[in-house]
Structure formats: C-alpha cells, structure tokens
Amino acid sequence: MNNRFSGNKKKKLFFMIPCGITLALLFVWGVQLLWNVLMPEIFGLKIISFWQAFGLLLLSKILFGGFRFKGRRGGMCHGHDFNNPSQQFSDEDRSRFKAEWKRRFSAACHDRNRNDDEIEKQ
C-alpha cells in the first residue's frame, strides 16, 4: 500500500511546518525592526509592536498582492505556451503584424530622431 505521507514525507512535513512558522515570524520581526529603526528617525512616526508589524504585512498583502513564491503561476503569461507552434503567427499574420507596427511606430521614431537632430543643431 502506497501511503502519500509515509516515511520521509512525514519527517519532511514535521520539519517544514516549524521552519515555515519560524521564517514567517522572523520576517515579521524584520519588518518591525526596520520600521522601528528607520521610520521614527526619517518621518517622526511612532514605533510599532510585533502584532502591528504583522498587521502591516497582512494589509500590504491584501492591498498589493505581494509575497509571490516559487511555483506559483500568474501574470500576463499564465496559461500560455509561447513556444507552442500552434499558437504562433502564420506567415500572413506575421507580415500584417510587422506592417502595422512599422506604420504605427516608424513615424514616431523618425519624428523623435528628427527632433534630436534639430536640438543638436541649436
């Protein structure tokens, strides 16, 4: 019988949970330490407690969605395999795409270069 949490996996689990908790506590403590050293001196703010630092991190997570860790997929490229030939442009689509980019941006680049030349002459 193949148990999912047998042997080494149980040992790793019992090792990883306390390590994860310890790292989280050290991270909160580091935020508290940095705040208490820098913010009162720079901005004249009050020092904060450990739980206030924890709340500050939680609030930043809610507002900004940070703390991305390895193994998590997301962002603009989520679910897209750009190396998959079935998702790449055909020759006709590629030529239309290039022509449209040239139409849109070559004039802007040309105007910018012309303005740079005029500035250099002055």
C-alpha atoms as a PDB file:
ATOM      1  CA  MET A   1       0.000   0.000   0.000  1.00  0.00           C
ATOM      2  CA  ASN A   2       1.445   3.353  -1.047  1.00  0.00           C
ATOM      3  CA  ASN A   3       0.603   5.917   1.607  1.00  0.00           C
ATOM      4  CA  ARG A   4       1.102   9.508   0.492  1.00  0.00           C
ATOM      5  CA  PHE A   5       2.506  10.665   3.837  1.00  0.00           C
ATOM      6  CA  SER A   6       4.667   7.730   4.742  1.00  0.00           C
ATOM      7  CA  GLY A   7       8.248   7.608   5.966  1.00  0.00           C
ATOM      8  CA  ASN A   8      10.343  10.504   4.749  1.00  0.00           C
ATOM      9  CA  LYS A   9       7.368  12.627   3.765  1.00  0.00           C
ATOM     10  CA  LYS A  10       6.101  12.678   7.347  1.00  0.00           C
ATOM     11  CA  LYS A  11       9.541  13.684   8.584  1.00  0.00           C
ATOM     12  CA  LYS A  12       9.777  16.440   5.983  1.00  0.00           C
ATOM     13  CA  LEU A  13       6.292  17.684   6.863  1.00  0.00           C
ATOM     14  CA  PHE A  14       7.075  17.835  10.574  1.00  0.00           C
ATOM     15  CA  PHE A  15      10.299  19.651   9.746  1.00  0.00           C
ATOM     16  CA  MET A  16       8.862  22.091   7.186  1.00  0.00           C
ATOM     17  CA  ILE A  17       5.898  23.331   9.247  1.00  0.00           C
ATOM     18  CA  PRO A  18       8.016  24.634  12.158  1.00  0.00           C
ATOM     19  CA  CYS A  19      10.559  26.038   9.689  1.00  0.00           C
ATOM     20  CA  GLY A  20       7.813  27.878   7.803  1.00  0.00           C
ATOM     21  CA  ILE A  21       6.380  29.310  11.001  1.00  0.00           C
ATOM     22  CA  THR A  22       9.851  30.356  12.163  1.00  0.00           C
ATOM     23  CA  LEU A  23      10.606  32.062   8.846  1.00  0.00           C
ATOM     24  CA  ALA A  24       7.277  33.918   8.944  1.00  0.00           C
ATOM     25  CA  LEU A  25       7.950  35.111  12.498  1.00  0.00           C
ATOM     26  CA  LEU A  26      11.459  36.227  11.542  1.00  0.00           C
ATOM     27  CA  PHE A  27      10.048  38.102   8.545  1.00  0.00           C
ATOM     28  CA  VAL A  28       7.536  39.957  10.732  1.00  0.00           C
ATOM     29  CA  TRP A  29      10.253  40.670  13.271  1.00  0.00           C
ATOM     30  CA  GLY A  30      12.474  42.046  10.487  1.00  0.00           C
ATOM     31  CA  VAL A  31       9.703  44.373   9.318  1.00  0.00           C
ATOM     32  CA  GLN A  32       9.183  45.535  12.891  1.00  0.00           C
ATOM     33  CA  LEU A  33      12.902  46.117  13.349  1.00  0.00           C
ATOM     34  CA  LEU A  34      13.264  48.059  10.095  1.00  0.00           C
ATOM     35  CA  TRP A  35      10.204  50.167  10.870  1.00  0.00           C
ATOM     36  CA  ASN A  36      11.358  50.968  14.405  1.00  0.00           C
ATOM     37  CA  VAL A  37      14.863  51.881  13.257  1.00  0.00           C
ATOM     38  CA  LEU A  38      14.010  53.884  10.142  1.00  0.00           C
ATOM     39  CA  MET A  39      10.523  55.362  10.286  1.00  0.00           C
ATOM     40  CA  PRO A  40      10.735  57.292  13.599  1.00  0.00           C
ATOM     41  CA  GLU A  41      14.052  58.790  12.524  1.00  0.00           C
ATOM     42  CA  ILE A  42      13.060  59.676   8.963  1.00  0.00           C
ATOM     43  CA  PHE A  43       9.380  60.581   9.271  1.00  0.00           C
ATOM     44  CA  GLY A  44       8.883  61.061  13.008  1.00  0.00           C
ATOM     45  CA  LEU A  45       6.429  58.152  13.271  1.00  0.00           C
ATOM     46  CA  LYS A  46       5.874  56.045  16.386  1.00  0.00           C
ATOM     47  CA  ILE A  47       7.472  52.651  16.894  1.00  0.00           C
ATOM     48  CA  ILE A  48       5.278  49.597  16.307  1.00  0.00           C
ATOM     49  CA  SER A  49       4.782  46.294  18.106  1.00  0.00           C
ATOM     50  CA  PHE A  50       5.228  42.824  16.647  1.00  0.00           C
ATOM     51  CA  TRP A  51       1.485  42.446  16.033  1.00  0.00           C
ATOM     52  CA  GLN A  52       1.281  45.855  14.388  1.00  0.00           C
ATOM     53  CA  ALA A  53       4.076  44.763  12.040  1.00  0.00           C
ATOM     54  CA  PHE A  54       2.144  41.565  11.344  1.00  0.00           C
ATOM     55  CA  GLY A  55      -0.980  43.623  10.588  1.00  0.00           C
ATOM     56  CA  LEU A  56       1.039  45.915   8.339  1.00  0.00           C
ATOM     57  CA  LEU A  57       2.291  42.921   6.343  1.00  0.00           C
ATOM     58  CA  LEU A  58      -1.205  41.473   6.136  1.00  0.00           C
ATOM     59  CA  LEU A  59      -2.592  44.811   4.952  1.00  0.00           C
ATOM     60  CA  SER A  60       0.126  45.091   2.304  1.00  0.00           C
ATOM     61  CA  LYS A  61      -0.704  41.562   1.145  1.00  0.00           C
ATOM     62  CA  ILE A  62      -4.375  42.487   0.810  1.00  0.00           C
ATOM     63  CA  LEU A  63      -3.735  45.802  -0.936  1.00  0.00           C
ATOM     64  CA  PHE A  64      -0.823  44.918  -3.179  1.00  0.00           C
ATOM     65  CA  GLY A  65      -0.998  41.124  -3.543  1.00  0.00           C
ATOM     66  CA  GLY A  66       2.685  40.610  -2.854  1.00  0.00           C
ATOM     67  CA  PHE A  67       4.635  37.694  -1.398  1.00  0.00           C
ATOM     68  CA  ARG A  68       4.778  35.672  -4.613  1.00  0.00           C
ATOM     69  CA  PHE A  69       6.645  32.438  -4.068  1.00  0.00           C
ATOM     70  CA  LYS A  70       8.251  29.945  -6.428  1.00  0.00           C
ATOM     71  CA  GLY A  71       5.911  27.526  -8.120  1.00  0.00           C
ATOM     72  CA  ARG A  72       3.025  29.939  -8.381  1.00  0.00           C
ATOM     73  CA  ARG A  73       1.936  30.828 -11.891  1.00  0.00           C
ATOM     74  CA  GLY A  74       0.242  34.038 -12.753  1.00  0.00           C
ATOM     75  CA  GLY A  75       0.522  37.301 -14.539  1.00  0.00           C
ATOM     76  CA  MET A  76       0.231  38.046 -18.218  1.00  0.00           C
ATOM     77  CA  CYS A  77       1.760  34.772 -19.383  1.00  0.00           C
ATOM     78  CA  HIS A  78      -0.404  32.488 -17.275  1.00  0.00           C
ATOM     79  CA  GLY A  79      -1.632  29.549 -19.298  1.00  0.00           C
ATOM     80  CA  HIS A  80       0.186  30.491 -22.474  1.00  0.00           C
ATOM     81  CA  ASP A  81       2.892  28.411 -24.031  1.00  0.00           C
ATOM     82  CA  PHE A  82       4.727  30.813 -26.305  1.00  0.00           C
ATOM     83  CA  ASN A  83       6.957  28.063 -27.662  1.00  0.00           C
ATOM     84  CA  ASN A  84       3.961  26.082 -28.886  1.00  0.00           C
ATOM     85  CA  PRO A  85       3.909  26.299 -32.701  1.00  0.00           C
ATOM     86  CA  SER A  86       0.115  26.074 -32.786  1.00  0.00           C
ATOM     87  CA  GLN A  87      -0.095  29.435 -31.001  1.00  0.00           C
ATOM     88  CA  GLN A  88       2.413  31.265 -33.182  1.00  0.00           C
ATOM     89  CA  PHE A  89       1.541  33.554 -36.081  1.00  0.00           C
ATOM     90  CA  SER A  90       1.134  32.291 -39.585  1.00  0.00           C
ATOM     91  CA  ASP A  91       3.341  33.972 -42.211  1.00  0.00           C
ATOM     92  CA  GLU A  92       0.459  36.163 -43.351  1.00  0.00           C
ATOM     93  CA  ASP A  93      -0.424  37.218 -39.803  1.00  0.00           C
ATOM     94  CA  ARG A  94       3.230  37.899 -39.008  1.00  0.00           C
ATOM     95  CA  SER A  95       3.655  40.154 -42.050  1.00  0.00           C
ATOM     96  CA  ARG A  96       0.454  42.073 -41.207  1.00  0.00           C
ATOM     97  CA  PHE A  97       1.640  42.461 -37.614  1.00  0.00           C
ATOM     98  CA  LYS A  98       5.054  43.785 -38.703  1.00  0.00           C
ATOM     99  CA  ALA A  99       3.469  46.174 -41.212  1.00  0.00           C
ATOM    100  CA  GLU A 100       1.112  47.554 -38.556  1.00  0.00           C
ATOM    101  CA  TRP A 101       3.958  48.084 -36.081  1.00  0.00           C
ATOM    102  CA  LYS A 102       6.034  49.824 -38.731  1.00  0.00           C
ATOM    103  CA  ARG A 103       3.072  52.024 -39.642  1.00  0.00           C
ATOM    104  CA  ARG A 104       2.436  52.986 -36.030  1.00  0.00           C
ATOM    105  CA  PHE A 105       5.947  53.415 -34.702  1.00  0.00           C
ATOM    106  CA  SER A 106       8.336  54.178 -37.533  1.00  0.00           C
ATOM    107  CA  ALA A 107       6.864  57.667 -37.947  1.00  0.00           C
ATOM    108  CA  ALA A 108       7.161  58.302 -34.218  1.00  0.00           C
ATOM    109  CA  CYS A 109      10.785  57.132 -34.181  1.00  0.00           C
ATOM    110  CA  HIS A 110      11.539  59.183 -37.270  1.00  0.00           C
ATOM    111  CA  ASP A 111       9.990  62.303 -35.679  1.00  0.00           C
ATOM    112  CA  ARG A 112      11.923  61.732 -32.461  1.00  0.00           C
ATOM    113  CA  ASN A 113      15.195  61.356 -34.376  1.00  0.00           C
ATOM    114  CA  ARG A 114      14.412  64.488 -36.353  1.00  0.00           C
ATOM    115  CA  ASN A 115      13.783  66.415 -33.119  1.00  0.00           C
ATOM    116  CA  ASP A 116      17.089  65.144 -31.699  1.00  0.00           C
ATOM    117  CA  ASP A 117      18.899  66.362 -34.825  1.00  0.00           C
ATOM    118  CA  GLU A 118      17.263  69.787 -34.529  1.00  0.00           C
ATOM    119  CA  ILE A 119      18.277  70.046 -30.868  1.00  0.00           C
ATOM    120  CA  GLU A 120      21.884  69.155 -31.742  1.00  0.00           C
ATOM    121  CA  LYS A 121      21.992  71.893 -34.415  1.00  0.00           C
ATOM    122  CA  GLN A 122      20.960  74.548 -31.901  1.00  0.00           C
END
